[in-house]
Amino acid sequence: GLREYGYQNRMAANEKIKRYYDQSFRVIRFSKGELVYVFNLAFVSGFGRKLTPRWLGPFEVVWVGGTGA
């Protein structure tokens, strides 16, 4: 019926959105000892954004979790 038709359309739209997102997403693995920059969350808050650096660092990776992050 109409409800099933709407459900199928929603599932198809969700799959299309997922495919589009997955094209630009990539998994980044870090290794112990690498130098990395960290996004500055103070930049997001909007306070003094003109003078606030977007990235902090470089910092050395001292520990890697089970997911590589």
PDB file of N, CA and C in Angstrom:
ATOM      1  N   GLY A   1       0.796  -1.177   0.000  1.00  0.00           N
ATOM      2  CA  GLY A   1       0.000   0.000   0.000  1.00  0.00           C
ATOM      3  C   GLY A   1       0.852   1.259   0.000  1.00  0.00           C
ATOM      4  N   LEU A   2       0.215   2.323   0.308  1.00  0.00           N
ATOM      5  CA  LEU A   2       0.860   3.632   0.301  1.00  0.00           C
ATOM      6  C   LEU A   2       1.959   3.720   1.362  1.00  0.00           C
ATOM      7  N   ARG A   3       1.704   3.141   2.520  1.00  0.00           N
ATOM      8  CA  ARG A   3       2.701   3.169   3.590  1.00  0.00           C
ATOM      9  C   ARG A   3       3.969   2.414   3.169  1.00  0.00           C
ATOM     10  N   GLU A   4       3.797   1.266   2.556  1.00  0.00           N
ATOM     11  CA  GLU A   4       4.947   0.476   2.083  1.00  0.00           C
ATOM     12  C   GLU A   4       5.713   1.227   0.999  1.00  0.00           C
ATOM     13  N   TYR A   5       5.015   1.901   0.130  1.00  0.00           N
ATOM     14  CA  TYR A   5       5.644   2.702  -0.924  1.00  0.00           C
ATOM     15  C   TYR A   5       6.499   3.819  -0.310  1.00  0.00           C
ATOM     16  N   GLY A   6       5.966   4.495   0.692  1.00  0.00           N
ATOM     17  CA  GLY A   6       6.715   5.550   1.374  1.00  0.00           C
ATOM     18  C   GLY A   6       7.940   4.998   2.082  1.00  0.00           C
ATOM     19  N   TYR A   7       7.785   3.833   2.706  1.00  0.00           N
ATOM     20  CA  TYR A   7       8.902   3.199   3.397  1.00  0.00           C
ATOM     21  C   TYR A   7      10.016   2.849   2.417  1.00  0.00           C
ATOM     22  N   GLN A   8       9.654   2.275   1.279  1.00  0.00           N
ATOM     23  CA  GLN A   8      10.659   1.900   0.271  1.00  0.00           C
ATOM     24  C   GLN A   8      11.380   3.132  -0.270  1.00  0.00           C
ATOM     25  N   ASN A   9      10.651   4.215  -0.498  1.00  0.00           N
ATOM     26  CA  ASN A   9      11.280   5.453  -0.970  1.00  0.00           C
ATOM     27  C   ASN A   9      12.261   5.995   0.061  1.00  0.00           C
ATOM     28  N   ARG A  10      11.884   5.935   1.338  1.00  0.00           N
ATOM     29  CA  ARG A  10      12.773   6.432   2.403  1.00  0.00           C
ATOM     30  C   ARG A  10      14.048   5.591   2.483  1.00  0.00           C
ATOM     31  N   MET A  11      13.915   4.275   2.374  1.00  0.00           N
ATOM     32  CA  MET A  11      15.083   3.393   2.421  1.00  0.00           C
ATOM     33  C   MET A  11      16.006   3.650   1.228  1.00  0.00           C
ATOM     34  N   ALA A  12      15.428   3.870   0.057  1.00  0.00           N
ATOM     35  CA  ALA A  12      16.231   4.171  -1.134  1.00  0.00           C
ATOM     36  C   ALA A  12      16.955   5.504  -0.972  1.00  0.00           C
ATOM     37  N   ALA A  13      16.279   6.493  -0.403  1.00  0.00           N
ATOM     38  CA  ALA A  13      16.902   7.798  -0.183  1.00  0.00           C
ATOM     39  C   ALA A  13      18.031   7.684   0.834  1.00  0.00           C
ATOM     40  N   ASN A  14      17.824   6.912   1.900  1.00  0.00           N
ATOM     41  CA  ASN A  14      18.874   6.714   2.900  1.00  0.00           C
ATOM     42  C   ASN A  14      20.108   6.064   2.285  1.00  0.00           C
ATOM     43  N   GLU A  15      19.904   5.090   1.435  1.00  0.00           N
ATOM     44  CA  GLU A  15      21.022   4.404   0.780  1.00  0.00           C
ATOM     45  C   GLU A  15      21.784   5.355  -0.137  1.00  0.00           C
ATOM     46  N   LYS A  16      21.059   6.206  -0.834  1.00  0.00           N
ATOM     47  CA  LYS A  16      21.688   7.182  -1.722  1.00  0.00           C
ATOM     48  C   LYS A  16      22.532   8.179  -0.924  1.00  0.00           C
ATOM     49  N   ILE A  17      22.009   8.647   0.210  1.00  0.00           N
ATOM     50  CA  ILE A  17      22.743   9.571   1.071  1.00  0.00           C
ATOM     51  C   ILE A  17      24.000   8.898   1.615  1.00  0.00           C
ATOM     52  N   LYS A  18      23.895   7.641   2.020  1.00  0.00           N
ATOM     53  CA  LYS A  18      25.039   6.908   2.550  1.00  0.00           C
ATOM     54  C   LYS A  18      26.122   6.754   1.492  1.00  0.00           C
ATOM     55  N   ARG A  19      25.748   6.406   0.270  1.00  0.00           N
ATOM     56  CA  ARG A  19      26.739   6.264  -0.814  1.00  0.00           C
ATOM     57  C   ARG A  19      27.456   7.580  -1.063  1.00  0.00           C
ATOM     58  N   TYR A  20      26.722   8.684  -1.063  1.00  0.00           N
ATOM     59  CA  TYR A  20      27.313   9.996  -1.292  1.00  0.00           C
ATOM     60  C   TYR A  20      28.294  10.346  -0.178  1.00  0.00           C
ATOM     61  N   TYR A  21      27.910  10.087   1.069  1.00  0.00           N
ATOM     62  CA  TYR A  21      28.785  10.375   2.206  1.00  0.00           C
ATOM     63  C   TYR A  21      30.040   9.505   2.160  1.00  0.00           C
ATOM     64  N   ASP A  22      29.878   8.224   1.880  1.00  0.00           N
ATOM     65  CA  ASP A  22      31.006   7.295   1.887  1.00  0.00           C
ATOM     66  C   ASP A  22      32.048   7.622   0.823  1.00  0.00           C
ATOM     67  N   GLN A  23      31.684   8.356  -0.216  1.00  0.00           N
ATOM     68  CA  GLN A  23      32.644   8.733  -1.251  1.00  0.00           C
ATOM     69  C   GLN A  23      33.718   9.657  -0.700  1.00  0.00           C
ATOM     70  N   SER A  24      33.360  10.533   0.239  1.00  0.00           N
ATOM     71  CA  SER A  24      34.307  11.517   0.737  1.00  0.00           C
ATOM     72  C   SER A  24      34.917  11.123   2.078  1.00  0.00           C
ATOM     73  N   PHE A  25      34.412  10.092   2.714  1.00  0.00           N
ATOM     74  CA  PHE A  25      34.902   9.694   4.031  1.00  0.00           C
ATOM     75  C   PHE A  25      36.050   8.717   3.879  1.00  0.00           C
ATOM     76  N   ARG A  26      37.117   8.941   4.640  1.00  0.00           N
ATOM     77  CA  ARG A  26      38.202   7.973   4.638  1.00  0.00           C
ATOM     78  C   ARG A  26      38.689   7.774   6.066  1.00  0.00           C
ATOM     79  N   VAL A  27      39.080   6.556   6.373  1.00  0.00           N
ATOM     80  CA  VAL A  27      39.549   6.213   7.704  1.00  0.00           C
ATOM     81  C   VAL A  27      41.023   6.589   7.797  1.00  0.00           C
ATOM     82  N   ILE A  28      41.379   7.303   8.853  1.00  0.00           N
ATOM     83  CA  ILE A  28      42.760   7.707   9.064  1.00  0.00           C
ATOM     84  C   ILE A  28      43.295   6.954  10.270  1.00  0.00           C
ATOM     85  N   ARG A  29      44.385   6.239  10.076  1.00  0.00           N
ATOM     86  CA  ARG A  29      45.027   5.496  11.160  1.00  0.00           C
ATOM     87  C   ARG A  29      46.244   6.282  11.636  1.00  0.00           C
ATOM     88  N   PHE A  30      46.412   6.369  12.939  1.00  0.00           N
ATOM     89  CA  PHE A  30      47.562   7.046  13.516  1.00  0.00           C
ATOM     90  C   PHE A  30      48.514   6.017  14.093  1.00  0.00           C
ATOM     91  N   SER A  31      49.798   6.355  14.084  1.00  0.00           N
ATOM     92  CA  SER A  31      50.822   5.494  14.660  1.00  0.00           C
ATOM     93  C   SER A  31      51.518   6.231  15.791  1.00  0.00           C
ATOM     94  N   LYS A  32      51.968   5.477  16.770  1.00  0.00           N
ATOM     95  CA  LYS A  32      52.679   6.065  17.898  1.00  0.00           C
ATOM     96  C   LYS A  32      53.930   6.769  17.381  1.00  0.00           C
ATOM     97  N   GLY A  33      54.131   8.011  17.840  1.00  0.00           N
ATOM     98  CA  GLY A  33      55.301   8.784  17.434  1.00  0.00           C
ATOM     99  C   GLY A  33      55.036   9.769  16.312  1.00  0.00           C
ATOM    100  N   GLU A  34      53.906   9.648  15.630  1.00  0.00           N
ATOM    101  CA  GLU A  34      53.562  10.592  14.559  1.00  0.00           C
ATOM    102  C   GLU A  34      53.258  11.965  15.143  1.00  0.00           C
ATOM    103  N   LEU A  35      53.479  12.997  14.346  1.00  0.00           N
ATOM    104  CA  LEU A  35      53.103  14.350  14.738  1.00  0.00           C
ATOM    105  C   LEU A  35      51.773  14.689  14.081  1.00  0.00           C
ATOM    106  N   VAL A  36      50.836  15.196  14.873  1.00  0.00           N
ATOM    107  CA  VAL A  36      49.497  15.494  14.366  1.00  0.00           C
ATOM    108  C   VAL A  36      49.051  16.865  14.850  1.00  0.00           C
ATOM    109  N   TYR A  37      48.137  17.457  14.120  1.00  0.00           N
ATOM    110  CA  TYR A  37      47.473  18.686  14.538  1.00  0.00           C
ATOM    111  C   TYR A  37      46.093  18.323  15.063  1.00  0.00           C
ATOM    112  N   VAL A  38      45.601  19.106  16.022  1.00  0.00           N
ATOM    113  CA  VAL A  38      44.295  18.872  16.636  1.00  0.00           C
ATOM    114  C   VAL A  38      43.420  20.084  16.360  1.00  0.00           C
ATOM    115  N   PHE A  39      42.164  19.836  15.951  1.00  0.00           N
ATOM    116  CA  PHE A  39      41.242  20.929  15.673  1.00  0.00           C
ATOM    117  C   PHE A  39      40.937  21.680  16.957  1.00  0.00           C
ATOM    118  N   ASN A  40      40.992  22.984  16.909  1.00  0.00           N
ATOM    119  CA  ASN A  40      40.781  23.846  18.066  1.00  0.00           C
ATOM    120  C   ASN A  40      39.283  24.061  18.275  1.00  0.00           C
ATOM    121  N   LEU A  41      38.723  23.478  19.327  1.00  0.00           N
ATOM    122  CA  LEU A  41      37.286  23.607  19.585  1.00  0.00           C
ATOM    123  C   LEU A  41      36.894  25.024  19.974  1.00  0.00           C
ATOM    124  N   ALA A  42      37.836  25.833  20.435  1.00  0.00           N
ATOM    125  CA  ALA A  42      37.541  27.231  20.736  1.00  0.00           C
ATOM    126  C   ALA A  42      37.178  27.982  19.459  1.00  0.00           C
ATOM    127  N   PHE A  43      37.680  27.516  18.319  1.00  0.00           N
ATOM    128  CA  PHE A  43      37.362  28.129  17.036  1.00  0.00           C
ATOM    129  C   PHE A  43      35.881  27.960  16.710  1.00  0.00           C
ATOM    130  N   VAL A  44      35.306  26.826  17.083  1.00  0.00           N
ATOM    131  CA  VAL A  44      33.902  26.529  16.787  1.00  0.00           C
ATOM    132  C   VAL A  44      32.971  27.444  17.569  1.00  0.00           C
ATOM    133  N   SER A  45      33.344  27.784  18.803  1.00  0.00           N
ATOM    134  CA  SER A  45      32.452  28.562  19.661  1.00  0.00           C
ATOM    135  C   SER A  45      32.192  29.959  19.114  1.00  0.00           C
ATOM    136  N   GLY A  46      33.077  30.450  18.240  1.00  0.00           N
ATOM    137  CA  GLY A  46      32.839  31.735  17.611  1.00  0.00           C
ATOM    138  C   GLY A  46      33.422  32.917  18.350  1.00  0.00           C
ATOM    139  N   PHE A  47      34.038  32.704  19.504  1.00  0.00           N
ATOM    140  CA  PHE A  47      34.600  33.805  20.271  1.00  0.00           C
ATOM    141  C   PHE A  47      35.950  34.196  19.680  1.00  0.00           C
ATOM    142  N   GLY A  48      36.040  35.376  19.099  1.00  0.00           N
ATOM    143  CA  GLY A  48      37.297  35.848  18.528  1.00  0.00           C
ATOM    144  C   GLY A  48      37.799  34.986  17.394  1.00  0.00           C
ATOM    145  N   ARG A  49      36.925  34.575  16.520  1.00  0.00           N
ATOM    146  CA  ARG A  49      37.301  33.633  15.468  1.00  0.00           C
ATOM    147  C   ARG A  49      38.362  34.178  14.530  1.00  0.00           C
ATOM    148  N   LYS A  50      38.422  35.472  14.341  1.00  0.00           N
ATOM    149  CA  LYS A  50      39.402  36.029  13.411  1.00  0.00           C
ATOM    150  C   LYS A  50      40.829  35.745  13.852  1.00  0.00           C
ATOM    151  N   LEU A  51      41.057  35.768  15.147  1.00  0.00           N
ATOM    152  CA  LEU A  51      42.414  35.617  15.659  1.00  0.00           C
ATOM    153  C   LEU A  51      42.691  34.243  16.263  1.00  0.00           C
ATOM    154  N   THR A  52      41.677  33.404  16.352  1.00  0.00           N
ATOM    155  CA  THR A  52      41.847  32.082  16.945  1.00  0.00           C
ATOM    156  C   THR A  52      42.377  31.109  15.898  1.00  0.00           C
ATOM    157  N   PRO A  53      43.473  30.414  16.209  1.00  0.00           N
ATOM    158  CA  PRO A  53      43.978  29.426  15.246  1.00  0.00           C
ATOM    159  C   PRO A  53      43.007  28.250  15.117  1.00  0.00           C
ATOM    160  N   ARG A  54      42.855  27.740  13.907  1.00  0.00           N
ATOM    161  CA  ARG A  54      41.941  26.610  13.682  1.00  0.00           C
ATOM    162  C   ARG A  54      42.520  25.310  14.205  1.00  0.00           C
ATOM    163  N   TRP A  55      43.829  25.181  14.151  1.00  0.00           N
ATOM    164  CA  TRP A  55      44.497  23.937  14.525  1.00  0.00           C
ATOM    165  C   TRP A  55      45.532  24.210  15.601  1.00  0.00           C
ATOM    166  N   LEU A  56      45.691  23.271  16.517  1.00  0.00           N
ATOM    167  CA  LEU A  56      46.700  23.342  17.567  1.00  0.00           C
ATOM    168  C   LEU A  56      47.726  22.242  17.334  1.00  0.00           C
ATOM    169  N   GLY A  57      48.968  22.517  17.664  1.00  0.00           N
ATOM    170  CA  GLY A  57      49.971  21.465  17.531  1.00  0.00           C
ATOM    171  C   GLY A  57      51.193  21.975  16.832  1.00  0.00           C
ATOM    172  N   PRO A  58      52.053  21.101  16.414  1.00  0.00           N
ATOM    173  CA  PRO A  58      51.873  19.643  16.339  1.00  0.00           C
ATOM    174  C   PRO A  58      52.063  18.956  17.693  1.00  0.00           C
ATOM    175  N   PHE A  59      51.323  17.868  17.872  1.00  0.00           N
ATOM    176  CA  PHE A  59      51.443  17.033  19.057  1.00  0.00           C
ATOM    177  C   PHE A  59      51.914  15.654  18.628  1.00  0.00           C
ATOM    178  N   GLU A  60      52.661  14.994  19.511  1.00  0.00           N
ATOM    179  CA  GLU A  60      53.129  13.638  19.221  1.00  0.00           C
ATOM    180  C   GLU A  60      52.094  12.642  19.716  1.00  0.00           C
ATOM    181  N   VAL A  61      51.796  11.633  18.909  1.00  0.00           N
ATOM    182  CA  VAL A  61      50.879  10.566  19.305  1.00  0.00           C
ATOM    183  C   VAL A  61      51.633   9.670  20.284  1.00  0.00           C
ATOM    184  N   VAL A  62      51.106   9.544  21.504  1.00  0.00           N
ATOM    185  CA  VAL A  62      51.772   8.728  22.521  1.00  0.00           C
ATOM    186  C   VAL A  62      51.031   7.420  22.784  1.00  0.00           C
ATOM    187  N   TRP A  63      49.779   7.328  22.331  1.00  0.00           N
ATOM    188  CA  TRP A  63      48.983   6.128  22.554  1.00  0.00           C
ATOM    189  C   TRP A  63      47.962   6.007  21.434  1.00  0.00           C
ATOM    190  N   VAL A  64      47.748   4.800  20.954  1.00  0.00           N
ATOM    191  CA  VAL A  64      46.763   4.557  19.900  1.00  0.00           C
ATOM    192  C   VAL A  64      45.729   3.589  20.443  1.00  0.00           C
ATOM    193  N   GLY A  65      44.451   3.978  20.376  1.00  0.00           N
ATOM    194  CA  GLY A  65      43.370   3.128  20.864  1.00  0.00           C
ATOM    195  C   GLY A  65      43.102   1.958  19.931  1.00  0.00           C
ATOM    196  N   GLY A  66      42.149   1.141  20.300  1.00  0.00           N
ATOM    197  CA  GLY A  66      41.820  -0.048  19.530  1.00  0.00           C
ATOM    198  C   GLY A  66      41.288   0.251  18.141  1.00  0.00           C
ATOM    199  N   THR A  67      40.697   1.431  17.937  1.00  0.00           N
ATOM    200  CA  THR A  67      40.157   1.776  16.623  1.00  0.00           C
ATOM    201  C   THR A  67      41.157   2.557  15.792  1.00  0.00           C
ATOM    202  N   GLY A  68      42.358   2.781  16.317  1.00  0.00           N
ATOM    203  CA  GLY A  68      43.369   3.527  15.577  1.00  0.00           C
ATOM    204  C   GLY A  68      43.298   5.015  15.801  1.00  0.00           C
ATOM    205  N   ALA A  69      42.407   5.462  16.667  1.00  0.00           N
ATOM    206  CA  ALA A  69      42.263   6.900  16.924  1.00  0.00           C
ATOM    207  C   ALA A  69      42.856   7.256  18.271  1.00  0.00           C
TER     208      ALA A  69
END
